[in-house]
Amino acid sequence: MRVLVTGSSGQIGTNLALRLQADGHDVFGVDKRQNAWSDAFPTLLQDLAGHYPATSSCTSLRTQRCTSSSASRTARSRTRS
């Protein structure tokens, strides 16, 4: 099976990817920093945080709850009533 591991440069992501490889899976990692633990699997250096559709309005980056602009305005008008 082909597996994509996001956060693959951290300790947990690295160990997960190595375990999946040991079990015979084809592993590919994505992370925003270079993996200091291992170079046993290919990794794309890419920051995935903050890439939302242009039509969305995120209320909280930490919880990544996004709604459409019109739904967001409707929700705000309901809370004011």
Protein backbone atom coordinates (compact mmCIF):
# COMPACT_ATOMS: atom_id res chain seq x y z
CA MET A 1 0.00 0.00 0.00
CA ARG A 2 1.18 3.56 -0.70
CA VAL A 3 1.09 5.72 2.45
CA LEU A 4 1.48 9.49 2.90
CA VAL A 5 2.67 10.55 6.35
CA THR A 6 2.22 14.22 7.20
CA GLY A 7 4.45 15.51 9.97
CA SER A 8 6.96 12.86 8.98
CA SER A 9 10.02 14.68 10.37
CA GLY A 10 8.96 14.48 14.01
CA GLN A 11 9.74 11.57 16.27
CA ILE A 12 6.27 10.02 16.02
CA GLY A 13 5.93 10.58 12.26
CA THR A 14 9.40 9.14 11.63
CA ASN A 15 8.75 6.04 13.73
CA LEU A 16 5.37 5.55 12.06
CA ALA A 17 6.90 5.84 8.59
CA LEU A 18 9.75 3.45 9.45
CA ARG A 19 7.29 0.92 10.88
CA LEU A 20 5.09 1.14 7.80
CA GLN A 21 8.15 0.59 5.60
CA ALA A 22 9.17 -2.41 7.69
CA ASP A 23 5.67 -3.83 7.13
CA GLY A 24 6.21 -3.56 3.36
CA HIS A 25 4.39 -0.30 2.59
CA ASP A 26 5.62 2.39 0.18
CA VAL A 27 5.97 5.50 2.40
CA PHE A 28 6.22 9.16 1.37
CA GLY A 29 6.54 11.94 3.95
CA VAL A 30 5.51 15.60 4.02
CA ASP A 31 6.80 18.09 6.58
CA LYS A 32 7.90 21.70 6.80
CA ARG A 33 11.38 20.81 8.04
CA GLN A 34 14.13 18.35 7.19
CA ASN A 35 14.01 15.01 8.99
CA ALA A 36 16.86 14.82 11.51
CA TRP A 37 15.97 11.26 12.58
CA SER A 38 16.14 9.34 9.32
CA ASP A 39 16.53 9.60 5.56
CA ALA A 40 15.09 6.15 4.87
CA PHE A 41 12.02 7.46 3.00
CA PRO A 42 11.47 10.37 0.58
CA THR A 43 10.07 13.58 2.07
CA LEU A 44 8.57 16.66 0.48
CA LEU A 45 9.46 19.85 2.36
CA GLN A 46 6.16 21.75 2.35
CA ASP A 47 4.23 23.76 4.96
CA LEU A 48 0.62 22.58 4.70
CA ALA A 49 -0.77 24.93 7.40
CA GLY A 50 -2.70 27.97 6.31
CA HIS A 51 -3.56 26.85 2.77
CA TYR A 52 -7.32 27.40 2.68
CA PRO A 53 -9.59 28.06 -0.31
CA ALA A 54 -9.83 31.74 -1.26
CA THR A 55 -13.57 31.77 -0.50
CA SER A 56 -13.25 30.64 3.11
CA SER A 57 -13.04 32.61 6.34
CA CYS A 58 -11.20 30.78 9.11
CA THR A 59 -12.35 31.56 12.62
CA SER A 60 -9.49 29.78 14.34
CA LEU A 61 -6.19 28.68 12.84
CA ARG A 62 -5.49 26.48 15.85
CA THR A 63 -8.65 24.40 15.36
CA GLN A 64 -8.78 25.05 11.61
CA ARG A 65 -12.53 25.54 11.54
CA CYS A 66 -13.38 27.20 8.24
CA THR A 67 -16.71 28.32 6.89
CA SER A 68 -17.78 30.14 3.76
CA SER A 69 -17.89 33.94 3.97
CA SER A 70 -21.69 34.10 3.71
CA ALA A 71 -22.18 31.40 6.34
CA SER A 72 -19.79 33.24 8.62
CA ARG A 73 -21.73 36.50 8.26
CA THR A 74 -25.00 34.66 8.92
CA ALA A 75 -23.59 33.04 12.06
CA ARG A 76 -22.36 36.39 13.37
CA SER A 77 -25.73 38.05 12.77
CA ARG A 78 -27.48 35.24 14.68
CA THR A 79 -25.23 35.65 17.72
CA ARG A 80 -25.93 39.39 17.86
CA SER A 81 -29.71 38.91 17.92
